[in-house]
Amino acid sequence: MAPSRTKTTVIVVGGGGTIGSSTALHLVRSGYTPSNITVLDTYPIPSNQSAGNDLNKIMGIRLRNKVDLQLSLEARQMWKEDHLFKEFFHNTGRLDCAHGEKSIAGLKSAYQSLLDAEAGLETTNEWLDSEDEILARMPLLSREQIKGWKAVFSKDGGWLAAAKAINAIGEYLRDQGVKFGFYGAGSFKQPLLAEGVCIGVETVDGSRYYADKVVLAAGAWSPALVDLEEQCVSKAWVYAHMQLTPQEAARYKNSPVVYNGDVGFFFEPNEHGVIKVCDEFPGFTRYKMHQPYGAKAPKRISVPRSHAKHPSDTYPDASEESIKKAVATFMPEFKNKELFNRAMCWCTDTADAALLICEHPEWKNFVLATGDSGHSFKLLPNIGKHVVELLEDRLADDLAHAWRWRPGSGDALKSRRAAPAKDLGDMPGWKHDDVPRARL
């Protein structure tokens, strides 16, 4: 064990979420003294503000580039084999569907990329060219609703018990002796700087924490906390739940995750018979005039609005319609079931959908670990390992390049999605208690 690891003090801001909790975990696993690690978050692990504090998330291999492939394969192995994570991976398979000429062409191209990846994925993925082949993999779908569909079945896919997995990390960190600060004592206000070097952080209640290294892993809240120079735009996605009877839940048990990019996706019911259903769309922003730390003046920033702090908030009328459409398409027998626990999940997009994991160019020892772009939860077991590599100046060159500080590199409002996000302020039916604002 390197002596510097035993003596180095580290603060992880946003440590109750996906990247933050993974970072704290790998600091401990790498030999850092647990009592020298401080995890800060507005809420205890799993943070109620984290996108990872969720019933379930999709598990699958992402192939957009070599970095994504490497991280996905690392994560898959750890979800299957690591003693801390393997109980939270439900290997039900994943069914990616498409209809319409353009969407089918896109799915076919993605399937070919799997075959060409030289990672053995041709043995775990199967092209389904007909309704009969799709129904053989997921017989509970309605033949009437899937006319003309094609699909890829990934037998190594499935879903992840998201909140339970983050909670397991939290319990491990507590058992190891990691320190925590929550609520006002865990909510970031500003870095503490001395001649351009970060020496700690101050939280909103005035508490000050000093450390050799600070990691800001605050997810969708990151651009509102420090000036990221438009590299990240935070967006909300929506979801709702249905309660199945024990008999209904038994029929859907062990069903694959079913995804269609023009409709949405759903998961098998949990142990209480609850199914989560999501639509698929480019997300919602919430632009406001806001001045993050480091900005010279207030600027237009998409600022998340926490459902944990505002539980009476709704989502827009259009979201209710699209989620009901997803239910009617995937599970028409349940189209009249009541939806409950409607909410929005906040993530933050970069222009190229790659992470932003780097040292701040002006504040030495202040490390950013954000820019999830809606695809990072599956990296919970392994992403923290690479944050630790960055802290120790040994991050691989290809990862460092992909995750570098890169203002002006593109349009994070649209990112790699089908269209730019719409703003919640323009969406009818979004009920909240915000002070009315002028259109910006």
Protein backbone atom coordinates (compact mmCIF):
# COMPACT_ATOMS: atom_id res chain seq x y z
CA MET A 1 0.00 0.00 0.00
CA ALA A 2 1.45 3.40 -0.98
CA PRO A 3 2.04 5.61 2.08
CA SER A 4 0.37 8.54 0.29
CA ARG A 5 -2.87 6.59 0.18
CA THR A 6 -2.93 6.07 3.92
CA LYS A 7 -2.35 9.76 4.59
CA THR A 8 -4.26 11.51 1.78
CA THR A 9 -7.57 13.09 2.78
CA VAL A 10 -10.38 13.15 0.23
CA ILE A 11 -13.82 14.78 0.17
CA VAL A 12 -16.47 13.32 -2.14
CA VAL A 13 -19.27 15.84 -2.79
CA GLY A 14 -22.40 14.09 -3.98
CA GLY A 15 -21.21 10.85 -2.43
CA GLY A 16 -24.74 9.58 -2.00
CA GLY A 17 -25.20 9.12 -5.74
CA THR A 18 -23.81 6.86 -8.44
CA ILE A 19 -20.38 8.25 -9.31
CA GLY A 20 -19.77 9.64 -5.83
CA SER A 21 -20.53 6.46 -3.92
CA SER A 22 -18.50 4.42 -6.40
CA THR A 23 -15.57 6.79 -5.90
CA ALA A 24 -15.74 6.49 -2.12
CA LEU A 25 -15.94 2.70 -2.44
CA HIS A 26 -12.83 2.50 -4.61
CA LEU A 27 -10.91 4.88 -2.37
CA VAL A 28 -11.44 2.40 0.46
CA ARG A 29 -10.70 -0.60 -1.75
CA SER A 30 -7.51 1.08 -2.98
CA GLY A 31 -6.13 1.43 0.52
CA TYR A 32 -7.08 4.96 1.52
CA THR A 33 -7.69 5.29 5.24
CA PRO A 34 -11.50 5.30 5.66
CA SER A 35 -11.45 7.97 8.37
CA ASN A 36 -9.63 10.26 5.91
CA ILE A 37 -12.56 10.04 3.46
CA THR A 38 -15.56 12.34 3.91
CA VAL A 39 -18.75 11.79 1.92
CA LEU A 40 -21.01 14.85 1.62
CA ASP A 41 -24.54 14.89 0.23
CA THR A 42 -27.80 16.72 0.79
CA TYR A 43 -29.38 13.38 1.74
CA PRO A 44 -28.02 10.15 3.27
CA ILE A 45 -27.00 7.30 0.99
CA PRO A 46 -28.76 6.48 -1.27
CA SER A 47 -29.33 10.19 -1.80
CA ASN A 48 -32.94 11.10 -2.53
CA GLN A 49 -31.64 13.56 -5.12
CA SER A 50 -29.59 10.99 -7.01
CA ALA A 51 -30.83 9.60 -10.30
CA GLY A 52 -29.52 6.29 -9.00
CA ASN A 53 -32.00 6.24 -6.11
CA ASP A 54 -34.50 4.35 -8.21
CA LEU A 55 -36.34 1.06 -8.33
CA ASN A 56 -34.35 -0.21 -11.28
CA LYS A 57 -32.07 0.73 -14.17
CA ILE A 58 -31.34 -1.01 -17.46
CA MET A 59 -28.21 -3.14 -17.79
CA GLY A 60 -26.71 -3.54 -21.23
CA ILE A 61 -23.53 -3.11 -23.24
CA ARG A 62 -22.95 0.36 -24.72
CA LEU A 63 -20.91 0.47 -27.92
CA ARG A 64 -20.74 4.10 -29.04
CA ASN A 65 -16.93 4.05 -28.83
CA LYS A 66 -14.07 1.98 -27.41
CA VAL A 67 -14.21 3.74 -24.03
CA ASP A 68 -17.91 2.93 -23.65
CA LEU A 69 -17.27 -0.68 -24.61
CA GLN A 70 -14.42 -1.03 -22.13
CA LEU A 71 -16.45 0.45 -19.27
CA SER A 72 -19.53 -1.64 -20.11
CA LEU A 73 -17.56 -4.88 -20.17
CA GLU A 74 -15.84 -4.01 -16.88
CA ALA A 75 -19.19 -3.22 -15.31
CA ARG A 76 -20.83 -6.40 -16.61
CA GLN A 77 -18.12 -8.52 -15.04
CA MET A 78 -18.39 -6.77 -11.68
CA TRP A 79 -22.20 -6.96 -11.61
CA LYS A 80 -21.88 -10.69 -12.20
CA GLU A 81 -18.94 -11.49 -9.92
CA ASP A 82 -18.30 -8.82 -7.28
CA HIS A 83 -19.66 -9.89 -3.90
CA LEU A 84 -21.01 -6.41 -3.18
CA PHE A 85 -22.96 -6.08 -6.43
CA LYS A 86 -23.95 -9.45 -7.84
CA GLU A 87 -27.20 -9.81 -5.88
CA PHE A 88 -28.52 -6.60 -7.45
CA PHE A 89 -28.12 -7.69 -11.09
CA HIS A 90 -31.26 -9.38 -12.43
CA ASN A 91 -30.11 -11.12 -15.59
CA THR A 92 -33.53 -11.36 -17.24
CA GLY A 93 -32.27 -10.35 -20.67
CA ARG A 94 -33.01 -7.21 -22.61
CA LEU A 95 -35.23 -6.86 -25.68
CA ASP A 96 -34.44 -3.81 -27.81
CA CYS A 97 -37.24 -3.24 -30.32
CA ALA A 98 -37.82 -0.93 -33.26
CA HIS A 99 -40.50 -0.21 -35.82
CA GLY A 100 -40.52 2.08 -38.82
CA GLU A 101 -37.86 2.08 -41.52
CA LYS A 102 -35.49 4.58 -39.88
CA SER A 103 -35.64 3.07 -36.40
CA ILE A 104 -35.19 -0.48 -37.70
CA ALA A 105 -32.16 0.63 -39.73
CA GLY A 106 -30.69 2.17 -36.58
CA LEU A 107 -31.28 -1.00 -34.59
CA LYS A 108 -29.76 -3.13 -37.35
CA SER A 109 -26.67 -0.90 -37.34
CA ALA A 110 -26.38 -1.19 -33.56
CA TYR A 111 -26.65 -4.97 -33.83
CA GLN A 112 -23.91 -5.08 -36.46
CA SER A 113 -21.70 -3.04 -34.13
CA LEU A 114 -22.18 -5.71 -31.48
CA LEU A 115 -21.05 -8.37 -33.94
CA ASP A 116 -18.04 -6.29 -35.02
CA ALA A 117 -16.86 -5.40 -31.51
CA GLU A 118 -14.61 -8.47 -31.19
CA ALA A 119 -15.74 -8.86 -27.59
CA GLY A 120 -17.72 -12.09 -27.87
CA LEU A 121 -21.01 -10.21 -28.07
CA GLU A 122 -22.14 -12.22 -31.09
CA THR A 123 -22.73 -15.10 -28.66
CA THR A 124 -24.97 -13.09 -26.34
CA ASN A 125 -27.04 -11.10 -28.84
CA GLU A 126 -29.64 -12.36 -31.30
CA TRP A 127 -31.45 -10.58 -34.14
CA LEU A 128 -35.21 -11.19 -34.09
CA ASP A 129 -36.67 -10.61 -37.53
CA SER A 130 -40.34 -11.38 -37.01
CA GLU A 131 -43.19 -11.04 -34.57
CA ASP A 132 -43.02 -14.78 -33.92
CA GLU A 133 -39.36 -14.55 -32.92
CA ILE A 134 -40.05 -11.56 -30.66
CA LEU A 135 -42.99 -13.30 -28.99
CA ALA A 136 -40.87 -16.39 -28.42
CA ARG A 137 -38.61 -14.23 -26.24
CA MET A 138 -41.40 -12.17 -24.67
CA PRO A 139 -44.75 -13.93 -25.09
CA LEU A 140 -46.62 -11.38 -22.96
CA LEU A 141 -46.34 -8.73 -25.67
CA SER A 142 -49.40 -8.26 -27.87
CA ARG A 143 -49.02 -9.46 -31.46
CA GLU A 144 -51.39 -6.71 -32.53
CA GLN A 145 -49.17 -4.04 -30.98
CA ILE A 146 -45.84 -5.27 -32.41
CA LYS A 147 -46.74 -5.64 -36.08
CA GLY A 148 -43.71 -4.81 -38.19
CA TRP A 149 -41.34 -4.76 -35.22
CA LYS A 150 -37.78 -6.08 -35.26
CA ALA A 151 -35.68 -6.64 -32.15
CA VAL A 152 -32.34 -7.59 -30.65
CA PHE A 153 -32.37 -9.91 -27.66
CA SER A 154 -29.37 -9.56 -25.34
CA LYS A 155 -29.18 -12.48 -22.98
CA ASP A 156 -26.50 -10.78 -20.88
CA GLY A 157 -28.75 -7.78 -20.24
CA GLY A 158 -31.42 -7.16 -17.66
CA TRP A 159 -31.94 -4.71 -14.85
CA LEU A 160 -30.20 -3.43 -11.75
CA ALA A 161 -31.80 -2.86 -8.34
CA ALA A 162 -30.48 0.67 -8.28
CA ALA A 163 -31.25 2.14 -4.85
CA LYS A 164 -30.46 -1.16 -3.14
CA ALA A 165 -27.04 -1.29 -4.78
CA ILE A 166 -26.10 2.25 -3.74
CA ASN A 167 -27.42 1.56 -0.25
CA ALA A 168 -25.14 -1.49 -0.05
CA ILE A 169 -22.17 0.77 -0.80
CA GLY A 170 -23.32 3.16 1.90
CA GLU A 171 -23.53 0.39 4.48
CA TYR A 172 -20.06 -0.81 3.52
CA LEU A 173 -18.60 2.70 3.82
CA ARG A 174 -20.17 3.19 7.25
CA ASP A 175 -18.84 -0.17 8.41
CA GLN A 176 -15.35 0.77 7.22
CA GLY A 177 -15.36 4.07 9.12
CA VAL A 178 -15.85 6.61 6.34
CA LYS A 179 -17.09 10.00 7.59
CA PHE A 180 -20.34 11.59 6.40
CA GLY A 181 -22.02 15.00 6.29
CA PHE A 182 -25.66 15.31 5.25
CA TYR A 183 -28.41 17.93 4.91
CA GLY A 184 -27.01 21.46 5.44
CA ALA A 185 -23.70 20.01 6.55
CA GLY A 186 -23.46 18.04 3.31
CA SER A 187 -24.82 20.53 0.76
CA PHE A 188 -22.03 22.13 -1.26
CA LYS A 189 -21.70 25.92 -1.20
CA GLN A 190 -18.22 26.59 -2.58
CA PRO A 191 -14.69 25.25 -2.79
CA LEU A 192 -12.11 26.56 -0.36
CA LEU A 193 -9.21 27.88 -2.41
CA ALA A 194 -5.74 29.06 -1.51
CA GLU A 195 -3.70 30.55 -4.37
CA GLY A 196 -5.55 28.47 -6.96
CA VAL A 197 -5.35 25.24 -4.98
CA CYS A 198 -8.48 23.63 -3.55
CA ILE A 199 -7.98 22.83 0.13
CA GLY A 200 -11.55 21.79 0.97
CA VAL A 201 -15.19 22.81 0.70
CA GLU A 202 -17.73 24.90 2.58
CA THR A 203 -21.32 23.67 2.89
CA VAL A 204 -24.50 25.72 3.11
CA ASP A 205 -24.64 25.58 6.91
CA GLY A 206 -21.18 27.11 7.15
CA SER A 207 -19.33 23.88 7.90
CA ARG A 208 -15.82 23.68 6.46
CA TYR A 209 -14.10 20.47 5.49
CA TYR A 210 -10.41 20.42 4.61
CA ALA A 211 -8.75 17.84 2.39
CA ASP A 212 -5.93 17.16 -0.04
CA LYS A 213 -8.35 16.27 -2.83
CA VAL A 214 -11.99 17.19 -3.51
CA VAL A 215 -14.21 15.27 -5.94
CA LEU A 216 -17.41 16.98 -7.12
CA ALA A 217 -19.72 14.14 -8.14
CA ALA A 218 -23.02 15.97 -7.78
CA GLY A 219 -24.70 14.62 -10.90
CA ALA A 220 -27.36 16.88 -12.39
CA TRP A 221 -26.67 19.49 -9.72
CA SER A 222 -23.04 19.95 -10.81
CA PRO A 223 -23.61 22.75 -13.38
CA ALA A 224 -25.64 24.72 -10.82
CA LEU A 225 -22.92 24.39 -8.17
CA VAL A 226 -19.82 25.34 -10.17
CA ASP A 227 -19.47 27.01 -13.55
CA LEU A 228 -18.95 24.25 -16.11
CA GLU A 229 -19.02 26.72 -19.03
CA GLU A 230 -22.01 25.09 -20.75
CA GLN A 231 -20.32 21.69 -20.99
CA CYS A 232 -23.28 20.08 -19.21
CA VAL A 233 -27.02 20.66 -19.45
CA SER A 234 -29.19 19.04 -16.80
CA LYS A 235 -32.42 17.40 -17.92
CA ALA A 236 -35.28 15.48 -16.39
CA TRP A 237 -36.87 12.25 -17.56
CA VAL A 238 -40.15 10.93 -16.24
CA TYR A 239 -41.50 7.64 -14.98
CA ALA A 240 -44.51 6.17 -13.22
CA HIS A 241 -45.46 2.90 -11.55
CA MET A 242 -48.29 0.38 -11.68
CA GLN A 243 -49.38 -2.06 -8.98
CA LEU A 244 -50.00 -5.61 -10.21
CA THR A 245 -51.98 -8.26 -8.41
CA PRO A 246 -49.99 -11.28 -7.18
CA GLN A 247 -51.36 -13.31 -10.08
CA GLU A 248 -50.40 -10.65 -12.64
CA ALA A 249 -46.96 -10.20 -11.12
CA ALA A 250 -46.33 -13.94 -11.26
CA ARG A 251 -46.94 -13.94 -15.02
CA TYR A 252 -44.48 -11.09 -15.61
CA LYS A 253 -41.80 -12.37 -13.25
CA ASN A 254 -38.43 -12.85 -14.99
CA SER A 255 -39.59 -10.99 -18.10
CA PRO A 256 -36.80 -9.29 -20.03
CA VAL A 257 -36.50 -5.53 -20.01
CA VAL A 258 -38.42 -4.34 -23.08
CA TYR A 259 -37.22 -1.15 -24.77
CA ASN A 260 -38.39 0.70 -27.87
CA GLY A 261 -36.78 4.05 -28.62
CA ASP A 262 -40.02 5.42 -30.07
CA VAL A 263 -42.19 4.29 -27.16
CA GLY A 264 -40.33 3.74 -23.89
CA PHE A 265 -39.46 0.78 -21.70
CA PHE A 266 -40.55 -1.28 -18.72
CA PHE A 267 -39.17 -3.81 -16.25
CA GLU A 268 -40.45 -6.95 -14.61
CA PRO A 269 -42.34 -6.30 -11.34
CA ASN A 270 -40.36 -6.07 -8.12
CA GLU A 271 -41.01 -8.28 -5.09
CA HIS A 272 -44.05 -6.14 -4.24
CA GLY A 273 -45.62 -6.46 -7.69
CA VAL A 274 -44.72 -2.92 -8.77
CA ILE A 275 -43.77 -2.24 -12.40
CA LYS A 276 -41.91 0.91 -13.45
CA VAL A 277 -42.80 2.32 -16.88
CA CYS A 278 -40.90 5.08 -18.71
CA ASP A 279 -41.51 6.89 -21.96
CA GLU A 280 -38.61 7.83 -24.24
CA PHE A 281 -37.97 11.44 -25.25
CA PRO A 282 -35.11 14.00 -25.25
CA GLY A 283 -35.77 15.21 -21.69
CA PHE A 284 -36.94 18.42 -20.03
CA THR A 285 -34.80 21.36 -18.96
CA ARG A 286 -35.60 23.96 -16.29
CA TYR A 287 -33.77 27.10 -17.29
CA LYS A 288 -33.34 29.88 -14.76
CA MET A 289 -31.00 32.80 -14.22
CA HIS A 290 -28.50 31.35 -11.78
CA GLN A 291 -24.91 32.07 -10.75
CA PRO A 292 -22.85 28.97 -9.97
CA TYR A 293 -19.54 29.35 -8.17
CA GLY A 294 -16.89 30.62 -10.56
CA ALA A 295 -19.29 32.43 -12.90
CA LYS A 296 -18.80 36.19 -13.14
CA ALA A 297 -22.54 36.90 -13.33
CA PRO A 298 -25.87 35.04 -13.37
CA LYS A 299 -26.43 33.03 -16.54
CA ARG A 300 -29.12 30.81 -18.05
CA ILE A 301 -28.65 27.37 -16.54
CA SER A 302 -30.94 24.37 -16.38
CA VAL A 303 -31.35 23.93 -12.62
CA PRO A 304 -32.75 20.61 -11.33
CA ARG A 305 -35.75 20.64 -9.04
CA SER A 306 -35.60 17.84 -6.50
CA HIS A 307 -38.68 15.65 -6.13
CA ALA A 308 -37.39 14.82 -2.65
CA LYS A 309 -37.72 18.48 -1.65
CA HIS A 310 -40.89 19.07 -3.66
CA PRO A 311 -42.91 15.84 -3.46
CA SER A 312 -46.14 17.48 -4.64
CA ASP A 313 -44.62 18.40 -8.02
CA THR A 314 -46.17 16.66 -11.00
CA TYR A 315 -44.89 16.04 -14.49
CA PRO A 316 -46.34 17.60 -17.68
CA ASP A 317 -49.58 16.44 -19.27
CA ALA A 318 -47.64 15.22 -22.30
CA SER A 319 -45.70 12.84 -20.06
CA GLU A 320 -48.87 11.30 -18.69
CA GLU A 321 -50.08 10.72 -22.23
CA SER A 322 -46.82 9.20 -23.44
CA ILE A 323 -46.45 6.88 -20.44
CA LYS A 324 -50.04 5.69 -20.89
CA LYS A 325 -49.23 5.11 -24.56
CA ALA A 326 -46.23 3.01 -23.53
CA VAL A 327 -48.42 0.93 -21.21
CA ALA A 328 -51.03 0.45 -23.94
CA THR A 329 -48.32 -0.63 -26.40
CA PHE A 330 -46.33 -2.96 -24.17
CA MET A 331 -49.05 -4.20 -21.81
CA PRO A 332 -52.49 -3.39 -23.24
CA GLU A 333 -54.16 -5.54 -20.58
CA PHE A 334 -53.06 -2.91 -18.04
CA LYS A 335 -53.96 0.21 -20.01
CA ASN A 336 -56.66 1.15 -17.50
CA LYS A 337 -54.53 0.57 -14.42
CA GLU A 338 -53.89 3.55 -12.20
CA LEU A 339 -50.43 5.08 -12.35
CA PHE A 340 -48.78 6.19 -9.11
CA ASN A 341 -45.47 7.56 -7.81
CA ARG A 342 -45.03 9.75 -10.87
CA ALA A 343 -41.73 11.60 -10.75
CA MET A 344 -38.87 13.13 -12.68
CA CYS A 345 -35.30 11.83 -12.67
CA TRP A 346 -32.54 14.39 -13.29
CA CYS A 347 -29.35 13.66 -15.23
CA THR A 348 -26.85 15.95 -16.95
CA ASP A 349 -25.85 15.68 -20.60
CA THR A 350 -22.58 16.60 -22.26
CA ALA A 351 -22.49 17.46 -25.96
CA ASP A 352 -20.82 14.18 -26.93
CA ALA A 353 -22.48 12.07 -24.19
CA ALA A 354 -19.06 11.29 -22.70
CA LEU A 355 -18.38 11.80 -19.02
CA LEU A 356 -16.69 14.90 -17.62
CA ILE A 357 -14.06 13.50 -15.25
CA CYS A 358 -11.05 15.77 -14.93
CA GLU A 359 -9.28 18.23 -12.69
CA HIS A 360 -10.69 21.75 -12.87
CA PRO A 361 -8.32 23.79 -15.07
CA GLU A 362 -8.10 26.66 -12.56
CA TRP A 363 -8.50 24.92 -9.21
CA LYS A 364 -5.80 22.36 -8.58
CA ASN A 365 -6.95 19.26 -6.61
CA PHE A 366 -10.62 19.99 -7.39
CA VAL A 367 -11.80 17.08 -9.52
CA LEU A 368 -15.05 16.95 -11.49
CA ALA A 369 -16.83 13.62 -11.90
CA THR A 370 -20.11 14.25 -13.68
CA GLY A 371 -21.73 14.37 -17.15
CA ASP A 372 -23.51 11.02 -16.86
CA SER A 373 -25.62 11.70 -19.98
CA GLY A 374 -28.25 9.26 -18.75
CA HIS A 375 -26.15 6.12 -19.12
CA SER A 376 -23.90 5.89 -16.08
CA PHE A 377 -25.75 3.87 -13.48
CA LYS A 378 -24.60 0.57 -14.91
CA LEU A 379 -21.04 1.79 -14.23
CA LEU A 380 -21.68 1.95 -10.47
CA PRO A 381 -19.29 -0.95 -9.69
CA ASN A 382 -16.33 0.36 -11.70
CA ILE A 383 -16.49 4.08 -12.50
CA GLY A 384 -15.05 5.03 -9.11
CA LYS A 385 -11.93 3.00 -9.89
CA HIS A 386 -11.16 5.37 -12.74
CA VAL A 387 -11.85 8.47 -10.64
CA VAL A 388 -9.25 7.18 -8.18
CA GLU A 389 -6.85 6.65 -11.09
CA LEU A 390 -7.33 10.31 -12.02
CA LEU A 391 -6.68 11.40 -8.42
CA GLU A 392 -3.41 9.46 -8.58
CA ASP A 393 -2.39 10.83 -12.02
CA ARG A 394 -2.50 7.40 -13.64
CA LEU A 395 -5.73 7.53 -15.65
CA ALA A 396 -5.31 5.89 -19.06
CA ASP A 397 -4.75 8.36 -21.89
CA ASP A 398 -7.85 7.35 -23.85
CA LEU A 399 -10.09 7.82 -20.81
CA ALA A 400 -8.44 11.12 -19.89
CA HIS A 401 -8.98 12.40 -23.43
CA ALA A 402 -12.62 11.29 -23.59
CA TRP A 403 -13.42 12.86 -20.21
CA ARG A 404 -11.35 16.04 -20.53
CA TRP A 405 -12.43 19.62 -19.81
CA ARG A 406 -13.87 20.66 -23.18
CA PRO A 407 -15.98 23.87 -23.29
CA GLY A 408 -17.19 24.83 -26.74
CA SER A 409 -17.12 21.24 -27.96
CA GLY A 410 -20.76 21.09 -29.00
CA ASP A 411 -24.41 21.45 -28.07
CA ALA A 412 -25.15 19.80 -24.72
CA LEU A 413 -28.80 20.87 -24.96
CA LYS A 414 -29.32 18.38 -27.78
CA SER A 415 -26.34 16.10 -27.05
CA ARG A 416 -26.67 12.83 -29.01
CA ARG A 417 -30.44 12.70 -28.63
CA ALA A 418 -33.09 12.90 -31.33
CA ALA A 419 -33.95 16.54 -30.58
CA PRO A 420 -33.17 19.30 -28.08
CA ALA A 421 -34.90 19.10 -24.73
CA LYS A 422 -38.06 21.12 -24.11
CA ASP A 423 -38.25 23.40 -21.08
CA LEU A 424 -40.58 22.53 -18.22
CA GLY A 425 -41.71 26.15 -18.06
CA ASP A 426 -43.28 25.70 -21.50
CA MET A 427 -45.05 22.42 -20.72
CA PRO A 428 -48.76 22.47 -19.75
CA GLY A 429 -49.73 20.49 -16.68
CA TRP A 430 -46.45 20.76 -14.79
CA LYS A 431 -47.68 21.68 -11.31
CA HIS A 432 -45.14 23.08 -8.88
CA ASP A 433 -44.70 25.94 -6.43
CA ASP A 434 -42.00 27.88 -8.27
CA VAL A 435 -42.37 31.63 -8.34
CA PRO A 436 -43.67 32.51 -11.84
CA ARG A 437 -40.84 33.64 -14.10
CA ALA A 438 -40.62 35.59 -17.29
CA ARG A 439 -39.83 33.64 -20.42
CA LEU A 440 -36.06 33.62 -20.88
